Every structure is written in structure tokens, then in C-alpha cells.
């Protein structure tokens, strides 16, 4: 039951850590969110396809810090 929530929480924590380590990236993500979503509403699933840089940040963070252990191919 907690396996799904733990991996999501772990991924969110790593995304926040990586954004705090790279302030330029955080500013760019914030600007993209402000431009596409705005400041007066929450992000909806339909907005996600327009948030290209945000998606790149998420994918790169998951590449660097996978939420589950992956066995390397040898």
C-alpha cells in the first residue's frame, strides 16, 4: 500500500533538492509555470503537456535519482 506513495514522495523530495542546488533552473521552472499556468490557479493535468522544461527537469531528476533500485545490465 505504501510502496506507491513512498516512491512519489521520494521523487518529489529529490526534485526539490535538485532545484535548490541549481537556482537558475528553479527560476526557469517558476517562470514557465507562471507563464503557462498563471499564479491564480493550480496546475492541472492538461497543463502538463505544455510544461516542456518542467518535464525535462522531472525526467532528469528521475534519471539521477531513481525512486526504485534498478539492476544494471551486465
N, C-alpha and C. Protein backbone atom coordinates (compact mmCIF):
# COMPACT_ATOMS: atom_id res chain seq x y z
N UNK A 1 0.82 -1.19 0.00
CA UNK A 1 0.00 0.00 0.00
C UNK A 1 0.87 1.26 0.00
N UNK A 2 1.95 1.26 0.75
CA UNK A 2 2.76 2.46 0.85
C UNK A 2 3.86 2.54 -0.21
N UNK A 3 4.04 1.48 -0.99
CA UNK A 3 5.08 1.48 -2.00
C UNK A 3 4.91 2.58 -3.03
N UNK A 4 3.69 2.79 -3.48
CA UNK A 4 3.43 3.83 -4.48
C UNK A 4 3.59 5.23 -3.93
N UNK A 5 3.15 5.46 -2.72
CA UNK A 5 3.27 6.80 -2.15
C UNK A 5 4.70 7.13 -1.76
N UNK A 6 5.45 6.13 -1.32
CA UNK A 6 6.83 6.39 -0.92
C UNK A 6 7.69 6.78 -2.11
N UNK A 7 7.49 6.13 -3.25
CA UNK A 7 8.29 6.46 -4.43
C UNK A 7 7.96 7.85 -4.95
N UNK A 8 6.69 8.23 -4.89
CA UNK A 8 6.30 9.58 -5.33
C UNK A 8 6.88 10.62 -4.39
N UNK A 9 6.79 10.38 -3.11
CA UNK A 9 7.34 11.32 -2.13
C UNK A 9 8.84 11.45 -2.29
N UNK A 10 9.51 10.35 -2.51
CA UNK A 10 10.96 10.37 -2.71
C UNK A 10 11.32 11.16 -3.97
N UNK A 11 10.58 10.96 -5.04
CA UNK A 11 10.85 11.69 -6.28
C UNK A 11 10.64 13.18 -6.09
N UNK A 12 9.59 13.58 -5.40
CA UNK A 12 9.32 14.99 -5.16
C UNK A 12 10.43 15.61 -4.32
N UNK A 13 10.89 14.89 -3.31
CA UNK A 13 11.99 15.39 -2.48
C UNK A 13 13.25 15.61 -3.31
N UNK A 14 13.58 14.64 -4.17
CA UNK A 14 14.79 14.79 -4.98
C UNK A 14 14.65 15.92 -5.99
N UNK A 15 13.46 16.10 -6.55
CA UNK A 15 13.24 17.22 -7.47
C UNK A 15 13.47 18.54 -6.76
N UNK A 16 12.94 18.67 -5.55
CA UNK A 16 13.13 19.90 -4.79
C UNK A 16 14.61 20.11 -4.43
N UNK A 17 15.31 19.04 -4.08
CA UNK A 17 16.74 19.15 -3.76
C UNK A 17 17.51 19.63 -4.98
N UNK A 18 17.25 19.03 -6.12
CA UNK A 18 17.97 19.42 -7.34
C UNK A 18 17.65 20.86 -7.74
N UNK A 19 16.41 21.28 -7.56
CA UNK A 19 16.06 22.67 -7.87
C UNK A 19 16.73 23.64 -6.92
N UNK A 20 16.87 23.27 -5.65
CA UNK A 20 17.56 24.15 -4.70
C UNK A 20 19.05 24.23 -4.98
N UNK A 21 19.62 23.16 -5.54
CA UNK A 21 21.05 23.19 -5.88
C UNK A 21 21.33 23.99 -7.14
N UNK A 22 20.33 24.18 -7.99
CA UNK A 22 20.51 24.94 -9.23
C UNK A 22 19.45 26.05 -9.29
N UNK A 23 19.74 27.20 -8.69
CA UNK A 23 18.76 28.28 -8.64
C UNK A 23 18.33 28.79 -10.02
N UNK A 24 19.23 28.74 -11.00
CA UNK A 24 18.85 29.18 -12.35
C UNK A 24 17.75 28.29 -12.93
N UNK A 25 17.86 27.00 -12.69
CA UNK A 25 16.84 26.07 -13.16
C UNK A 25 15.53 26.31 -12.44
N UNK A 26 15.59 26.54 -11.13
CA UNK A 26 14.38 26.80 -10.36
C UNK A 26 13.67 28.05 -10.86
N UNK A 27 14.43 29.09 -11.16
CA UNK A 27 13.83 30.32 -11.67
C UNK A 27 13.17 30.07 -13.02
N UNK A 28 13.84 29.27 -13.87
CA UNK A 28 13.27 28.98 -15.19
C UNK A 28 11.98 28.16 -15.07
N UNK A 29 11.95 27.20 -14.16
CA UNK A 29 10.73 26.40 -13.94
C UNK A 29 9.62 27.30 -13.39
N UNK A 30 9.95 28.15 -12.43
CA UNK A 30 8.94 29.06 -11.87
C UNK A 30 8.38 29.99 -12.95
N UNK A 31 9.25 30.48 -13.83
CA UNK A 31 8.80 31.38 -14.89
C UNK A 31 7.90 30.64 -15.87
N UNK A 32 8.27 29.40 -16.21
CA UNK A 32 7.43 28.62 -17.12
C UNK A 32 6.05 28.37 -16.49
N UNK A 33 6.03 28.01 -15.21
CA UNK A 33 4.75 27.80 -14.53
C UNK A 33 3.92 29.07 -14.50
N UNK A 34 4.55 30.21 -14.23
CA UNK A 34 3.82 31.47 -14.18
C UNK A 34 3.28 31.85 -15.55
N UNK A 35 4.06 31.60 -16.60
CA UNK A 35 3.63 31.95 -17.96
C UNK A 35 2.50 31.07 -18.46
N UNK A 36 2.59 29.78 -18.20
CA UNK A 36 1.62 28.84 -18.77
C UNK A 36 0.41 28.64 -17.87
N UNK A 37 0.65 28.46 -16.58
CA UNK A 37 -0.45 28.18 -15.66
C UNK A 37 -0.99 29.46 -15.04
N UNK A 38 -0.09 30.36 -14.69
CA UNK A 38 -0.50 31.58 -14.01
C UNK A 38 -0.36 31.42 -12.51
N UNK A 39 -0.60 32.50 -11.81
CA UNK A 39 -0.43 32.50 -10.36
C UNK A 39 -1.74 32.34 -9.60
N UNK A 40 -2.85 32.32 -10.31
CA UNK A 40 -4.15 32.32 -9.63
C UNK A 40 -4.84 30.96 -9.62
N UNK A 41 -4.20 29.93 -10.15
CA UNK A 41 -4.83 28.60 -10.13
C UNK A 41 -3.77 27.51 -10.00
N UNK A 42 -4.22 26.29 -9.76
CA UNK A 42 -3.31 25.15 -9.60
C UNK A 42 -3.01 24.52 -10.97
N UNK A 43 -1.92 23.78 -11.01
CA UNK A 43 -1.56 23.06 -12.22
C UNK A 43 -2.54 21.91 -12.41
N UNK A 44 -3.04 21.77 -13.63
CA UNK A 44 -3.95 20.68 -13.96
C UNK A 44 -3.24 19.72 -14.91
N UNK A 45 -3.78 18.54 -15.05
CA UNK A 45 -3.15 17.54 -15.91
C UNK A 45 -3.06 18.02 -17.35
N UNK A 46 -4.02 18.78 -17.81
CA UNK A 46 -3.99 19.29 -19.19
C UNK A 46 -2.86 20.29 -19.41
N UNK A 47 -2.36 20.92 -18.35
CA UNK A 47 -1.25 21.87 -18.47
C UNK A 47 0.09 21.17 -18.67
N UNK A 48 0.17 19.92 -18.26
CA UNK A 48 1.45 19.23 -18.23
C UNK A 48 2.10 19.10 -19.60
N UNK A 49 1.30 18.91 -20.65
CA UNK A 49 1.89 18.77 -21.99
C UNK A 49 2.51 20.07 -22.49
N UNK A 50 2.13 21.20 -21.93
CA UNK A 50 2.70 22.49 -22.32
C UNK A 50 3.95 22.85 -21.51
N UNK A 51 4.16 22.19 -20.39
CA UNK A 51 5.28 22.49 -19.50
C UNK A 51 6.50 21.65 -19.88
N UNK A 52 7.13 21.99 -20.99
CA UNK A 52 8.21 21.16 -21.52
C UNK A 52 9.45 21.19 -20.63
N UNK A 53 9.88 22.35 -20.20
CA UNK A 53 11.09 22.43 -19.38
C UNK A 53 10.88 21.74 -18.03
N UNK A 54 9.71 21.90 -17.46
CA UNK A 54 9.37 21.24 -16.20
C UNK A 54 9.44 19.72 -16.35
N UNK A 55 8.94 19.20 -17.48
CA UNK A 55 9.02 17.77 -17.74
C UNK A 55 10.47 17.32 -17.84
N UNK A 56 11.31 18.13 -18.50
CA UNK A 56 12.73 17.78 -18.62
C UNK A 56 13.40 17.72 -17.24
N UNK A 57 13.05 18.63 -16.36
CA UNK A 57 13.62 18.64 -15.01
C UNK A 57 13.20 17.38 -14.26
N UNK A 58 11.95 17.00 -14.37
CA UNK A 58 11.45 15.80 -13.70
C UNK A 58 12.16 14.56 -14.24
N UNK A 59 12.26 14.45 -15.56
CA UNK A 59 12.90 13.28 -16.15
C UNK A 59 14.38 13.18 -15.79
N UNK A 60 15.07 14.31 -15.78
CA UNK A 60 16.49 14.30 -15.43
C UNK A 60 16.68 13.93 -13.97
N UNK A 61 15.82 14.42 -13.10
CA UNK A 61 15.92 14.08 -11.68
C UNK A 61 15.65 12.59 -11.47
N UNK A 62 14.67 12.04 -12.17
CA UNK A 62 14.40 10.61 -12.05
C UNK A 62 15.54 9.78 -12.62
N UNK A 63 16.24 10.32 -13.62
CA UNK A 63 17.40 9.61 -14.15
C UNK A 63 18.54 9.60 -13.13
N UNK A 64 18.76 10.73 -12.46
CA UNK A 64 19.83 10.83 -11.48
C UNK A 64 19.52 10.09 -10.19
N UNK A 65 18.26 10.13 -9.77
CA UNK A 65 17.84 9.53 -8.50
C UNK A 65 16.59 8.68 -8.72
N UNK A 66 16.74 7.48 -9.27
CA UNK A 66 15.55 6.65 -9.49
C UNK A 66 14.90 6.28 -8.16
N UNK A 67 13.57 6.33 -8.09
CA UNK A 67 12.88 6.04 -6.83
C UNK A 67 12.95 4.58 -6.42
N UNK A 68 13.23 3.68 -7.35
CA UNK A 68 13.40 2.27 -7.03
C UNK A 68 14.77 1.84 -7.55
N UNK A 69 15.35 0.85 -6.92
CA UNK A 69 16.64 0.37 -7.36
C UNK A 69 16.50 -0.36 -8.68
N UNK A 70 17.40 -0.04 -9.58
CA UNK A 70 17.39 -0.66 -10.89
C UNK A 70 18.67 -1.48 -11.03
N UNK A 71 18.53 -2.73 -11.36
CA UNK A 71 19.70 -3.59 -11.55
C UNK A 71 20.36 -3.21 -12.88
N UNK A 72 21.64 -2.97 -12.85
CA UNK A 72 22.34 -2.61 -14.06
C UNK A 72 22.57 -3.83 -14.93
N UNK A 73 22.43 -3.63 -16.23
CA UNK A 73 22.65 -4.72 -17.17
C UNK A 73 24.14 -4.97 -17.32
N UNK A 74 24.55 -6.21 -17.21
CA UNK A 74 25.98 -6.53 -17.31
C UNK A 74 26.22 -7.47 -18.46
